[in-house]
């Protein structure tokens, strides 16, 4: 299969997921920064793969000079060195409380004006700034704590805390600085989330000789079924687990699956109908997997409590499961896609 076709297909499905997340429960999340964020993070990952700037520019179809210009524009403000334009504009308005748009444009005159206007709009859409007036009289005010309802702050606090909890559990031991690379929140929000998690004993602080910054770890991370807030952490954890499994399999150099593989994934599709003798069994598939996973985790934790191995001997095994029920599917429509030559059952093992 052409790898470009696979990449295009994954990008298409990812954009569908982003669109659904951005409109969940009537929300209209701002997306102005997404394209630039994808570009920056993709460049960062390509660099970690050992690629140089010339090769990366070629992969994006950009001249090297254009590539460097775009990186400078997105990485930091041309006016405030070492700061992204987004954070520099926000800090400028916060320091002054209320400011005219003309003053903002004058302060960041060395940056592209259309980009500065886009940042202001993004900050307003995200609730970080409030806007009044029109044209030259447009005024911006930084949001204050009292501008948010207590219930909204509580829900966001719990949601972010759960997201940080998952990240700490996955990447421990980890510093707050490293954590910011995985959880896109301000330093103040991350500090508050870590303080909350440590206070609730969900996360612990490690003191290590030679370490200038505190490290955080979590011995367990379980977000119970039915939790009313913080569902974002579960979505992120599930998606990241899937991507990690696929990435690990690709990094191993193996592109085929074997029955005894410890790394990989399988997808099973069942076509049933009301009255089918196995319909209830299929519908309860996820329930049974969850129950088995919970019981197995409890056994593993019970043994670890009395015979915990040294840290360097630990292996982390991540399993992820999901299930979807689609109605109105034409009978047999997917049968040709389910079985590959040599498969004994309708299943796909792409990893």
C-alpha atoms as a PDB file:
ATOM      1  CA  UNK A   1       0.000   0.000   0.000  1.00  0.00           C
ATOM      2  CA  UNK A   2       1.274   3.485  -0.852  1.00  0.00           C
ATOM      3  CA  UNK A   3       2.248   5.107   2.473  1.00  0.00           C
ATOM      4  CA  UNK A   4       0.913   8.484   1.267  1.00  0.00           C
ATOM      5  CA  UNK A   5      -2.537   6.967   0.849  1.00  0.00           C
ATOM      6  CA  UNK A   6      -2.344   5.640   4.417  1.00  0.00           C
ATOM      7  CA  UNK A   7      -1.211   9.032   5.759  1.00  0.00           C
ATOM      8  CA  UNK A   8      -3.998  10.841   3.887  1.00  0.00           C
ATOM      9  CA  UNK A   9      -6.563   8.390   5.253  1.00  0.00           C
ATOM     10  CA  UNK A  10      -5.345   8.824   8.840  1.00  0.00           C
ATOM     11  CA  UNK A  11      -5.353  12.627   8.465  1.00  0.00           C
ATOM     12  CA  UNK A  12      -8.925  12.481   7.164  1.00  0.00           C
ATOM     13  CA  UNK A  13     -10.112  10.380  10.121  1.00  0.00           C
ATOM     14  CA  UNK A  14      -8.206  12.597  12.571  1.00  0.00           C
ATOM     15  CA  UNK A  15      -9.883  15.731  11.197  1.00  0.00           C
ATOM     16  CA  UNK A  16     -13.266  14.041  11.625  1.00  0.00           C
ATOM     17  CA  UNK A  17     -12.407  13.362  15.282  1.00  0.00           C
ATOM     18  CA  UNK A  18     -11.211  16.945  15.829  1.00  0.00           C
ATOM     19  CA  UNK A  19     -14.407  18.335  14.270  1.00  0.00           C
ATOM     20  CA  UNK A  20     -16.562  16.156  16.523  1.00  0.00           C
ATOM     21  CA  UNK A  21     -14.582  17.139  19.639  1.00  0.00           C
ATOM     22  CA  UNK A  22     -14.802  20.825  18.688  1.00  0.00           C
ATOM     23  CA  UNK A  23     -18.615  20.662  18.512  1.00  0.00           C
ATOM     24  CA  UNK A  24     -19.330  18.314  21.433  1.00  0.00           C
ATOM     25  CA  UNK A  25     -22.415  19.292  23.464  1.00  0.00           C
ATOM     26  CA  UNK A  26     -22.965  22.439  21.422  1.00  0.00           C
ATOM     27  CA  UNK A  27     -19.471  23.796  22.062  1.00  0.00           C
ATOM     28  CA  UNK A  28     -17.729  25.709  19.267  1.00  0.00           C
ATOM     29  CA  UNK A  29     -14.066  25.335  20.179  1.00  0.00           C
ATOM     30  CA  UNK A  30     -11.652  27.731  18.416  1.00  0.00           C
ATOM     31  CA  UNK A  31      -9.514  25.993  15.802  1.00  0.00           C
ATOM     32  CA  UNK A  32      -7.528  28.886  14.345  1.00  0.00           C
ATOM     33  CA  UNK A  33      -4.285  27.574  15.819  1.00  0.00           C
ATOM     34  CA  UNK A  34      -4.668  23.927  14.784  1.00  0.00           C
ATOM     35  CA  UNK A  35      -2.932  24.067  11.384  1.00  0.00           C
ATOM     36  CA  UNK A  36       0.081  25.896  12.808  1.00  0.00           C
ATOM     37  CA  UNK A  37       0.208  23.557  15.805  1.00  0.00           C
ATOM     38  CA  UNK A  38       0.182  20.504  13.548  1.00  0.00           C
ATOM     39  CA  UNK A  39       3.006  21.963  11.451  1.00  0.00           C
ATOM     40  CA  UNK A  40       5.203  22.773  14.467  1.00  0.00           C
ATOM     41  CA  UNK A  41       4.672  19.446  16.210  1.00  0.00           C
ATOM     42  CA  UNK A  42       5.161  17.455  13.009  1.00  0.00           C
ATOM     43  CA  UNK A  43       8.446  19.273  12.395  1.00  0.00           C
ATOM     44  CA  UNK A  44       9.496  18.526  15.973  1.00  0.00           C
ATOM     45  CA  UNK A  45       8.742  14.814  15.587  1.00  0.00           C
ATOM     46  CA  UNK A  46      10.554  14.642  12.238  1.00  0.00           C
ATOM     47  CA  UNK A  47      13.617  16.207  13.859  1.00  0.00           C
ATOM     48  CA  UNK A  48      13.489  13.580  16.572  1.00  0.00           C
ATOM     49  CA  UNK A  49      13.562  10.980  13.811  1.00  0.00           C
ATOM     50  CA  UNK A  50      16.947  12.411  12.828  1.00  0.00           C
ATOM     51  CA  UNK A  51      15.887  14.444   9.776  1.00  0.00           C
ATOM     52  CA  UNK A  52      17.518  17.769   8.936  1.00  0.00           C
ATOM     53  CA  UNK A  53      15.806  21.028   8.012  1.00  0.00           C
ATOM     54  CA  UNK A  54      16.492  20.644   4.269  1.00  0.00           C
ATOM     55  CA  UNK A  55      14.875  17.217   4.153  1.00  0.00           C
ATOM     56  CA  UNK A  56      11.892  18.376   6.252  1.00  0.00           C
ATOM     57  CA  UNK A  57      11.384  21.419   4.007  1.00  0.00           C
ATOM     58  CA  UNK A  58      11.406  19.142   0.965  1.00  0.00           C
ATOM     59  CA  UNK A  59       8.816  16.867   2.586  1.00  0.00           C
ATOM     60  CA  UNK A  60       6.489  19.866   3.017  1.00  0.00           C
ATOM     61  CA  UNK A  61       7.221  21.066  -0.510  1.00  0.00           C
ATOM     62  CA  UNK A  62       8.745  24.313   0.803  1.00  0.00           C
ATOM     63  CA  UNK A  63      11.876  26.173  -0.188  1.00  0.00           C
ATOM     64  CA  UNK A  64      14.369  26.135   2.668  1.00  0.00           C
ATOM     65  CA  UNK A  65      14.116  29.918   3.100  1.00  0.00           C
ATOM     66  CA  UNK A  66      10.298  29.746   3.209  1.00  0.00           C
ATOM     67  CA  UNK A  67      10.482  26.892   5.707  1.00  0.00           C
ATOM     68  CA  UNK A  68      12.783  28.853   8.047  1.00  0.00           C
ATOM     69  CA  UNK A  69      10.587  31.959   7.747  1.00  0.00           C
ATOM     70  CA  UNK A  70       7.492  29.981   8.692  1.00  0.00           C
ATOM     71  CA  UNK A  71       9.260  28.344  11.635  1.00  0.00           C
ATOM     72  CA  UNK A  72      10.364  31.738  12.950  1.00  0.00           C
ATOM     73  CA  UNK A  73       6.844  33.132  12.595  1.00  0.00           C
ATOM     74  CA  UNK A  74       5.215  30.254  14.400  1.00  0.00           C
ATOM     75  CA  UNK A  75       7.872  29.490  16.998  1.00  0.00           C
ATOM     76  CA  UNK A  76       8.202  32.945  18.495  1.00  0.00           C
ATOM     77  CA  UNK A  77       7.088  36.527  18.142  1.00  0.00           C
ATOM     78  CA  UNK A  78       9.298  38.756  16.005  1.00  0.00           C
ATOM     79  CA  UNK A  79       8.638  41.503  18.551  1.00  0.00           C
ATOM     80  CA  UNK A  80       9.152  39.566  21.800  1.00  0.00           C
ATOM     81  CA  UNK A  81      12.056  37.181  21.406  1.00  0.00           C
ATOM     82  CA  UNK A  82      11.729  33.750  22.962  1.00  0.00           C
ATOM     83  CA  UNK A  83       7.927  33.887  23.268  1.00  0.00           C
ATOM     84  CA  UNK A  84       5.218  32.621  20.971  1.00  0.00           C
ATOM     85  CA  UNK A  85       3.064  35.377  19.494  1.00  0.00           C
ATOM     86  CA  UNK A  86      -0.036  33.880  21.152  1.00  0.00           C
ATOM     87  CA  UNK A  87       1.418  34.005  24.673  1.00  0.00           C
ATOM     88  CA  UNK A  88       3.107  37.372  24.112  1.00  0.00           C
ATOM     89  CA  UNK A  89      -0.140  39.046  23.003  1.00  0.00           C
ATOM     90  CA  UNK A  90      -2.080  37.508  25.887  1.00  0.00           C
ATOM     91  CA  UNK A  91       0.505  38.656  28.430  1.00  0.00           C
ATOM     92  CA  UNK A  92       0.536  42.178  26.949  1.00  0.00           C
ATOM     93  CA  UNK A  93      -3.235  42.547  27.391  1.00  0.00           C
ATOM     94  CA  UNK A  94      -3.196  40.922  30.848  1.00  0.00           C
ATOM     95  CA  UNK A  95      -0.506  43.333  32.082  1.00  0.00           C
ATOM     96  CA  UNK A  96      -2.591  46.333  30.988  1.00  0.00           C
ATOM     97  CA  UNK A  97      -6.061  45.070  31.829  1.00  0.00           C
ATOM     98  CA  UNK A  98      -7.734  46.951  28.966  1.00  0.00           C
ATOM     99  CA  UNK A  99      -6.099  47.938  25.692  1.00  0.00           C
ATOM    100  CA  UNK A 100      -7.075  49.241  22.254  1.00  0.00           C
ATOM    101  CA  UNK A 101      -6.534  46.999  19.245  1.00  0.00           C
ATOM    102  CA  UNK A 102      -4.455  49.763  17.657  1.00  0.00           C
ATOM    103  CA  UNK A 103      -2.104  49.622  20.662  1.00  0.00           C
ATOM    104  CA  UNK A 104      -1.718  45.864  20.298  1.00  0.00           C
ATOM    105  CA  UNK A 105      -0.941  46.181  16.586  1.00  0.00           C
ATOM    106  CA  UNK A 106       1.580  48.931  17.323  1.00  0.00           C
ATOM    107  CA  UNK A 107       3.259  46.880  20.073  1.00  0.00           C
ATOM    108  CA  UNK A 108       3.604  43.891  17.736  1.00  0.00           C
ATOM    109  CA  UNK A 109       4.341  45.911  14.598  1.00  0.00           C
ATOM    110  CA  UNK A 110       7.283  43.641  13.734  1.00  0.00           C
ATOM    111  CA  UNK A 111       4.897  40.685  13.433  1.00  0.00           C
ATOM    112  CA  UNK A 112       2.558  40.070  10.524  1.00  0.00           C
ATOM    113  CA  UNK A 113      -0.566  42.192  11.175  1.00  0.00           C
ATOM    114  CA  UNK A 114      -3.007  39.562   9.872  1.00  0.00           C
ATOM    115  CA  UNK A 115      -1.413  37.017  12.206  1.00  0.00           C
ATOM    116  CA  UNK A 116      -1.733  39.360  15.209  1.00  0.00           C
ATOM    117  CA  UNK A 117      -5.401  39.976  14.385  1.00  0.00           C
ATOM    118  CA  UNK A 118      -5.905  36.203  14.118  1.00  0.00           C
ATOM    119  CA  UNK A 119      -4.325  35.694  17.535  1.00  0.00           C
ATOM    120  CA  UNK A 120      -6.628  38.308  19.068  1.00  0.00           C
ATOM    121  CA  UNK A 121      -9.674  36.601  17.554  1.00  0.00           C
ATOM    122  CA  UNK A 122      -8.499  33.204  18.800  1.00  0.00           C
ATOM    123  CA  UNK A 123      -8.011  34.592  22.326  1.00  0.00           C
ATOM    124  CA  UNK A 124     -11.514  36.095  22.270  1.00  0.00           C
ATOM    125  CA  UNK A 125     -13.082  32.886  20.945  1.00  0.00           C
ATOM    126  CA  UNK A 126     -11.347  30.855  23.646  1.00  0.00           C
ATOM    127  CA  UNK A 127     -12.599  33.178  26.406  1.00  0.00           C
ATOM    128  CA  UNK A 128      -9.154  34.474  27.393  1.00  0.00           C
ATOM    129  CA  UNK A 129     -10.020  37.997  26.226  1.00  0.00           C
ATOM    130  CA  UNK A 130     -13.231  40.039  25.976  1.00  0.00           C
ATOM    131  CA  UNK A 131     -13.818  42.440  23.073  1.00  0.00           C
ATOM    132  CA  UNK A 132     -15.968  45.588  22.909  1.00  0.00           C
ATOM    133  CA  UNK A 133     -16.323  48.372  20.352  1.00  0.00           C
ATOM    134  CA  UNK A 134     -15.792  48.382  16.601  1.00  0.00           C
ATOM    135  CA  UNK A 135     -13.010  49.148  14.131  1.00  0.00           C
ATOM    136  CA  UNK A 136     -10.456  51.640  15.558  1.00  0.00           C
ATOM    137  CA  UNK A 137     -12.352  51.781  18.875  1.00  0.00           C
ATOM    138  CA  UNK A 138     -12.134  48.013  19.436  1.00  0.00           C
ATOM    139  CA  UNK A 139     -10.986  47.336  22.993  1.00  0.00           C
ATOM    140  CA  UNK A 140      -9.759  44.114  24.590  1.00  0.00           C
ATOM    141  CA  UNK A 141      -9.874  43.145  28.254  1.00  0.00           C
ATOM    142  CA  UNK A 142      -8.220  40.116  29.810  1.00  0.00           C
ATOM    143  CA  UNK A 143     -10.630  37.667  31.445  1.00  0.00           C
ATOM    144  CA  UNK A 144     -10.639  37.693  35.225  1.00  0.00           C
ATOM    145  CA  UNK A 145     -11.388  34.880  37.636  1.00  0.00           C
ATOM    146  CA  UNK A 146     -14.839  36.265  38.393  1.00  0.00           C
ATOM    147  CA  UNK A 147     -15.734  36.069  34.709  1.00  0.00           C
ATOM    148  CA  UNK A 148     -16.015  32.312  34.999  1.00  0.00           C
ATOM    149  CA  UNK A 149     -18.792  30.526  36.838  1.00  0.00           C
ATOM    150  CA  UNK A 150     -17.610  28.437  39.759  1.00  0.00           C
ATOM    151  CA  UNK A 151     -19.127  25.315  38.258  1.00  0.00           C
ATOM    152  CA  UNK A 152     -17.234  25.855  34.992  1.00  0.00           C
ATOM    153  CA  UNK A 153     -13.967  26.327  36.839  1.00  0.00           C
ATOM    154  CA  UNK A 154     -14.593  23.173  38.824  1.00  0.00           C
ATOM    155  CA  UNK A 155     -15.402  21.109  35.759  1.00  0.00           C
ATOM    156  CA  UNK A 156     -12.397  22.425  33.852  1.00  0.00           C
ATOM    157  CA  UNK A 157     -10.166  21.899  36.888  1.00  0.00           C
ATOM    158  CA  UNK A 158     -11.217  18.293  37.259  1.00  0.00           C
ATOM    159  CA  UNK A 159     -10.967  17.676  33.530  1.00  0.00           C
ATOM    160  CA  UNK A 160      -7.454  19.117  33.335  1.00  0.00           C
ATOM    161  CA  UNK A 161      -6.423  17.284  36.504  1.00  0.00           C
ATOM    162  CA  UNK A 162      -7.500  13.984  34.967  1.00  0.00           C
ATOM    163  CA  UNK A 163      -5.609  14.799  31.766  1.00  0.00           C
ATOM    164  CA  UNK A 164      -2.454  15.585  33.763  1.00  0.00           C
ATOM    165  CA  UNK A 165      -2.973  12.436  35.839  1.00  0.00           C
ATOM    166  CA  UNK A 166      -3.022  10.272  32.715  1.00  0.00           C
ATOM    167  CA  UNK A 167       0.103  11.985  31.354  1.00  0.00           C
ATOM    168  CA  UNK A 168       2.012  11.556  34.626  1.00  0.00           C
ATOM    169  CA  UNK A 169       1.024   7.903  34.801  1.00  0.00           C
ATOM    170  CA  UNK A 170       2.103   7.309  31.189  1.00  0.00           C
ATOM    171  CA  UNK A 171       5.429   9.197  31.206  1.00  0.00           C
ATOM    172  CA  UNK A 172       6.547   9.013  34.855  1.00  0.00           C
ATOM    173  CA  UNK A 173       8.901  10.016  36.270  1.00  0.00           C
ATOM    174  CA  UNK A 174       8.307  13.396  34.655  1.00  0.00           C
ATOM    175  CA  UNK A 175       8.964  17.041  35.508  1.00  0.00           C
ATOM    176  CA  UNK A 176       6.434  19.836  35.129  1.00  0.00           C
ATOM    177  CA  UNK A 177       8.472  21.225  32.224  1.00  0.00           C
ATOM    178  CA  UNK A 178       8.379  17.901  30.361  1.00  0.00           C
ATOM    179  CA  UNK A 179       4.691  17.545  31.212  1.00  0.00           C
ATOM    180  CA  UNK A 180       3.900  20.772  29.349  1.00  0.00           C
ATOM    181  CA  UNK A 181       4.994  19.072  26.113  1.00  0.00           C
ATOM    182  CA  UNK A 182       2.197  16.540  26.486  1.00  0.00           C
ATOM    183  CA  UNK A 183      -0.558  18.678  28.049  1.00  0.00           C
ATOM    184  CA  UNK A 184      -1.110  22.043  26.299  1.00  0.00           C
ATOM    185  CA  UNK A 185      -1.961  24.215  29.321  1.00  0.00           C
ATOM    186  CA  UNK A 186      -0.392  27.251  30.950  1.00  0.00           C
ATOM    187  CA  UNK A 187       2.265  26.893  33.645  1.00  0.00           C
ATOM    188  CA  UNK A 188      -0.216  28.145  36.236  1.00  0.00           C
ATOM    189  CA  UNK A 189      -2.853  25.587  35.201  1.00  0.00           C
ATOM    190  CA  UNK A 190      -0.347  22.728  35.255  1.00  0.00           C
ATOM    191  CA  UNK A 191       0.952  23.781  38.670  1.00  0.00           C
ATOM    192  CA  UNK A 192      -2.591  23.942  40.054  1.00  0.00           C
ATOM    193  CA  UNK A 193      -3.437  20.525  38.581  1.00  0.00           C
ATOM    194  CA  UNK A 194      -0.270  18.931  39.982  1.00  0.00           C
ATOM    195  CA  UNK A 195      -0.892  20.507  43.399  1.00  0.00           C
ATOM    196  CA  UNK A 196      -4.427  19.136  43.352  1.00  0.00           C
ATOM    197  CA  UNK A 197      -3.315  15.647  42.309  1.00  0.00           C
ATOM    198  CA  UNK A 198      -0.552  15.531  44.932  1.00  0.00           C
ATOM    199  CA  UNK A 199      -2.968  16.754  47.620  1.00  0.00           C
ATOM    200  CA  UNK A 200      -5.449  14.029  46.673  1.00  0.00           C
ATOM    201  CA  UNK A 201      -2.598  11.466  46.672  1.00  0.00           C
ATOM    202  CA  UNK A 202      -3.236  10.551  43.055  1.00  0.00           C
ATOM    203  CA  UNK A 203       0.280  11.722  42.158  1.00  0.00           C
ATOM    204  CA  UNK A 204       3.434  11.638  44.290  1.00  0.00           C
ATOM    205  CA  UNK A 205       6.611  13.740  44.181  1.00  0.00           C
ATOM    206  CA  UNK A 206       9.968  12.046  43.734  1.00  0.00           C
ATOM    207  CA  UNK A 207      13.068  13.557  45.283  1.00  0.00           C
ATOM    208  CA  UNK A 208      16.184  12.417  43.437  1.00  0.00           C
ATOM    209  CA  UNK A 209      19.775  13.416  43.974  1.00  0.00           C
ATOM    210  CA  UNK A 210      21.116  15.548  41.150  1.00  0.00           C
ATOM    211  CA  UNK A 211      17.668  16.552  39.912  1.00  0.00           C
ATOM    212  CA  UNK A 212      17.084  20.310  39.999  1.00  0.00           C
ATOM    213  CA  UNK A 213      13.346  19.991  39.328  1.00  0.00           C
ATOM    214  CA  UNK A 214      10.836  17.790  41.176  1.00  0.00           C
ATOM    215  CA  UNK A 215       9.653  14.691  39.349  1.00  0.00           C
ATOM    216  CA  UNK A 216       6.136  13.299  39.505  1.00  0.00           C
ATOM    217  CA  UNK A 217       4.817   9.760  39.271  1.00  0.00           C
ATOM    218  CA  UNK A 218       1.581   7.857  39.757  1.00  0.00           C
ATOM    219  CA  UNK A 219       1.366   4.232  40.788  1.00  0.00           C
ATOM    220  CA  UNK A 220      -2.107   3.878  39.322  1.00  0.00           C
ATOM    221  CA  UNK A 221      -4.489   5.871  37.180  1.00  0.00           C
ATOM    222  CA  UNK A 222      -8.122   4.806  37.015  1.00  0.00           C
ATOM    223  CA  UNK A 223     -10.917   7.124  35.860  1.00  0.00           C
ATOM    224  CA  UNK A 224     -14.113   5.308  36.929  1.00  0.00           C
ATOM    225  CA  UNK A 225     -16.951   4.578  34.524  1.00  0.00           C
ATOM    226  CA  UNK A 226     -19.622   7.244  34.684  1.00  0.00           C
ATOM    227  CA  UNK A 227     -17.308  10.042  35.828  1.00  0.00           C
ATOM    228  CA  UNK A 228     -19.306  13.243  35.016  1.00  0.00           C
ATOM    229  CA  UNK A 229     -16.264  15.400  34.259  1.00  0.00           C
ATOM    230  CA  UNK A 230     -12.837  14.748  32.835  1.00  0.00           C
ATOM    231  CA  UNK A 231     -14.010  12.538  29.958  1.00  0.00           C
ATOM    232  CA  UNK A 232     -11.376  14.307  27.848  1.00  0.00           C
ATOM    233  CA  UNK A 233      -8.654  12.415  29.716  1.00  0.00           C
ATOM    234  CA  UNK A 234     -10.186   9.059  28.813  1.00  0.00           C
ATOM    235  CA  UNK A 235     -10.471  10.031  25.138  1.00  0.00           C
ATOM    236  CA  UNK A 236      -6.868  11.241  25.100  1.00  0.00           C
ATOM    237  CA  UNK A 237      -5.593   8.153  26.911  1.00  0.00           C
ATOM    238  CA  UNK A 238      -7.401   5.777  24.551  1.00  0.00           C
ATOM    239  CA  UNK A 239      -6.250   7.620  21.423  1.00  0.00           C
ATOM    240  CA  UNK A 240      -2.668   7.869  22.689  1.00  0.00           C
ATOM    241  CA  UNK A 241      -2.580   4.173  23.597  1.00  0.00           C
ATOM    242  CA  UNK A 242      -3.651   3.264  20.069  1.00  0.00           C
ATOM    243  CA  UNK A 243      -1.096   5.588  18.451  1.00  0.00           C
ATOM    244  CA  UNK A 244       1.658   4.337  20.779  1.00  0.00           C
ATOM    245  CA  UNK A 245       0.932   0.720  19.857  1.00  0.00           C
ATOM    246  CA  UNK A 246       0.976   1.479  16.132  1.00  0.00           C
ATOM    247  CA  UNK A 247       4.131   3.601  16.436  1.00  0.00           C
ATOM    248  CA  UNK A 248       5.921   0.937  18.476  1.00  0.00           C
ATOM    249  CA  UNK A 249       5.013  -1.729  15.932  1.00  0.00           C
ATOM    250  CA  UNK A 250       6.259   0.409  13.036  1.00  0.00           C
ATOM    251  CA  UNK A 251       9.477   1.235  14.899  1.00  0.00           C
ATOM    252  CA  UNK A 252      10.143  -2.499  15.323  1.00  0.00           C
ATOM    253  CA  UNK A 253      10.319  -2.852  11.553  1.00  0.00           C
ATOM    254  CA  UNK A 254       7.569  -5.485  11.475  1.00  0.00           C
ATOM    255  CA  UNK A 255       4.523  -4.775   9.332  1.00  0.00           C
ATOM    256  CA  UNK A 256       2.740  -8.096   9.723  1.00  0.00           C
ATOM    257  CA  UNK A 257       0.942  -9.639  12.686  1.00  0.00           C
ATOM    258  CA  UNK A 258       1.400 -13.036  14.321  1.00  0.00           C
ATOM    259  CA  UNK A 259      -0.903 -14.820  16.749  1.00  0.00           C
ATOM    260  CA  UNK A 260       1.624 -14.600  19.600  1.00  0.00           C
ATOM    261  CA  UNK A 261       2.498 -10.889  19.143  1.00  0.00           C
ATOM    262  CA  UNK A 262       2.641  -8.872  22.381  1.00  0.00           C
ATOM    263  CA  UNK A 263       2.490  -5.571  20.465  1.00  0.00           C
ATOM    264  CA  UNK A 264      -0.280  -4.783  18.025  1.00  0.00           C
ATOM    265  CA  UNK A 265      -4.040  -4.635  17.697  1.00  0.00           C
ATOM    266  CA  UNK A 266      -6.982  -6.396  16.098  1.00  0.00           C
ATOM    267  CA  UNK A 267     -10.350  -5.213  14.822  1.00  0.00           C
ATOM    268  CA  UNK A 268     -13.360  -7.537  14.694  1.00  0.00           C
ATOM    269  CA  UNK A 269     -16.603  -6.743  12.871  1.00  0.00           C
ATOM    270  CA  UNK A 270     -19.837  -8.657  13.552  1.00  0.00           C
ATOM    271  CA  UNK A 271     -22.962  -8.359  11.363  1.00  0.00           C
ATOM    272  CA  UNK A 272     -26.040  -9.246  13.435  1.00  0.00           C
ATOM    273  CA  UNK A 273     -29.714  -8.289  13.531  1.00  0.00           C
ATOM    274  CA  UNK A 274     -32.569  -8.278  16.050  1.00  0.00           C
ATOM    275  CA  UNK A 275     -33.326 -11.882  16.829  1.00  0.00           C
ATOM    276  CA  UNK A 276     -29.844 -13.150  15.927  1.00  0.00           C
ATOM    277  CA  UNK A 277     -28.936 -15.859  18.486  1.00  0.00           C
ATOM    278  CA  UNK A 278     -25.531 -14.261  19.192  1.00  0.00           C
ATOM    279  CA  UNK A 279     -26.543 -10.567  19.122  1.00  0.00           C
ATOM    280  CA  UNK A 280     -26.596 -10.140  22.909  1.00  0.00           C
ATOM    281  CA  UNK A 281     -23.247 -11.909  23.200  1.00  0.00           C
ATOM    282  CA  UNK A 282     -21.697  -9.550  20.656  1.00  0.00           C
ATOM    283  CA  UNK A 283     -23.212  -6.460  22.314  1.00  0.00           C
ATOM    284  CA  UNK A 284     -21.734  -7.521  25.681  1.00  0.00           C
ATOM    285  CA  UNK A 285     -18.263  -8.101  24.202  1.00  0.00           C
ATOM    286  CA  UNK A 286     -16.913  -4.788  25.552  1.00  0.00           C
ATOM    287  CA  UNK A 287     -18.490  -5.418  28.954  1.00  0.00           C
ATOM    288  CA  UNK A 288     -16.745  -8.786  29.265  1.00  0.00           C
ATOM    289  CA  UNK A 289     -13.380  -7.370  28.162  1.00  0.00           C
ATOM    290  CA  UNK A 290     -13.673  -4.555  30.711  1.00  0.00           C
ATOM    291  CA  UNK A 291     -14.562  -6.971  33.498  1.00  0.00           C
ATOM    292  CA  UNK A 292     -11.632  -9.222  32.626  1.00  0.00           C
ATOM    293  CA  UNK A 293      -9.252  -6.262  32.427  1.00  0.00           C
ATOM    294  CA  UNK A 294     -10.408  -4.924  35.804  1.00  0.00           C
ATOM    295  CA  UNK A 295     -10.014  -8.297  37.502  1.00  0.00           C
ATOM    296  CA  UNK A 296      -6.582  -8.797  35.950  1.00  0.00           C
ATOM    297  CA  UNK A 297      -5.386  -5.339  37.006  1.00  0.00           C
ATOM    298  CA  UNK A 298      -6.540  -5.989  40.576  1.00  0.00           C
ATOM    299  CA  UNK A 299      -4.557  -9.231  40.673  1.00  0.00           C
ATOM    300  CA  UNK A 300      -1.442  -7.511  39.323  1.00  0.00           C
ATOM    301  CA  UNK A 301      -1.723  -4.658  41.843  1.00  0.00           C
ATOM    302  CA  UNK A 302      -2.319  -7.075  44.732  1.00  0.00           C
ATOM    303  CA  UNK A 303       0.889  -8.941  43.924  1.00  0.00           C
ATOM    304  CA  UNK A 304       2.852  -5.704  43.400  1.00  0.00           C
ATOM    305  CA  UNK A 305       1.830  -4.577  46.893  1.00  0.00           C
ATOM    306  CA  UNK A 306       3.794  -7.422  48.484  1.00  0.00           C
ATOM    307  CA  UNK A 307       6.533  -8.085  45.916  1.00  0.00           C
ATOM    308  CA  UNK A 308       7.215  -4.922  43.933  1.00  0.00           C
ATOM    309  CA  UNK A 309      10.239  -5.333  41.630  1.00  0.00           C
ATOM    310  CA  UNK A 310      12.920  -2.676  41.242  1.00  0.00           C
ATOM    311  CA  UNK A 311      12.061   0.135  38.841  1.00  0.00           C
ATOM    312  CA  UNK A 312      14.498  -0.948  36.125  1.00  0.00           C
ATOM    313  CA  UNK A 313      12.813  -4.343  35.961  1.00  0.00           C
ATOM    314  CA  UNK A 314       9.318  -2.976  35.319  1.00  0.00           C
ATOM    315  CA  UNK A 315       7.520  -3.470  32.028  1.00  0.00           C
ATOM    316  CA  UNK A 316       4.479  -1.371  31.161  1.00  0.00           C
ATOM    317  CA  UNK A 317       1.894  -3.212  29.088  1.00  0.00           C
ATOM    318  CA  UNK A 318      -0.868  -1.019  27.631  1.00  0.00           C
ATOM    319  CA  UNK A 319      -4.049  -2.581  26.236  1.00  0.00           C
ATOM    320  CA  UNK A 320      -6.851  -0.562  24.679  1.00  0.00           C
ATOM    321  CA  UNK A 321     -10.336  -1.635  23.628  1.00  0.00           C
ATOM    322  CA  UNK A 322     -13.282   0.070  21.980  1.00  0.00           C
ATOM    323  CA  UNK A 323     -16.655  -0.845  20.521  1.00  0.00           C
ATOM    324  CA  UNK A 324     -19.118   0.838  18.165  1.00  0.00           C
ATOM    325  CA  UNK A 325     -22.649  -0.135  17.134  1.00  0.00           C
ATOM    326  CA  UNK A 326     -23.737   1.104  13.701  1.00  0.00           C
ATOM    327  CA  UNK A 327     -27.333   0.723  12.554  1.00  0.00           C
ATOM    328  CA  UNK A 328     -28.676   0.412   9.041  1.00  0.00           C
ATOM    329  CA  UNK A 329     -25.652  -1.352   7.560  1.00  0.00           C
ATOM    330  CA  UNK A 330     -26.395  -3.398   4.462  1.00  0.00           C
ATOM    331  CA  UNK A 331     -25.952  -7.116   5.156  1.00  0.00           C
ATOM    332  CA  UNK A 332     -22.654  -8.425   3.841  1.00  0.00           C
ATOM    333  CA  UNK A 333     -21.410  -4.960   2.872  1.00  0.00           C
ATOM    334  CA  UNK A 334     -18.193  -5.351   4.841  1.00  0.00           C
ATOM    335  CA  UNK A 335     -17.526  -9.025   4.319  1.00  0.00           C
ATOM    336  CA  UNK A 336     -14.964  -8.417   1.568  1.00  0.00           C
ATOM    337  CA  UNK A 337     -12.978  -6.061   3.803  1.00  0.00           C
ATOM    338  CA  UNK A 338     -12.928  -8.232   6.875  1.00  0.00           C
ATOM    339  CA  UNK A 339     -10.937 -11.263   5.802  1.00  0.00           C
ATOM    340  CA  UNK A 340      -7.475 -11.192   4.289  1.00  0.00           C
ATOM    341  CA  UNK A 341      -5.921 -14.225   2.602  1.00  0.00           C
ATOM    342  CA  UNK A 342      -5.081 -16.789   5.258  1.00  0.00           C
ATOM    343  CA  UNK A 343      -7.359 -15.320   7.934  1.00  0.00           C
ATOM    344  CA  UNK A 344      -9.674 -17.834   9.542  1.00  0.00           C
ATOM    345  CA  UNK A 345     -12.093 -15.224  10.872  1.00  0.00           C
ATOM    346  CA  UNK A 346     -13.275 -11.721   9.943  1.00  0.00           C
ATOM    347  CA  UNK A 347     -10.566  -9.690  11.629  1.00  0.00           C
ATOM    348  CA  UNK A 348      -7.914  -7.173  10.741  1.00  0.00           C
ATOM    349  CA  UNK A 349      -4.480  -7.014  12.336  1.00  0.00           C
ATOM    350  CA  UNK A 350      -2.844  -3.906  10.872  1.00  0.00           C
ATOM    351  CA  UNK A 351      -0.368  -3.585  13.693  1.00  0.00           C
END
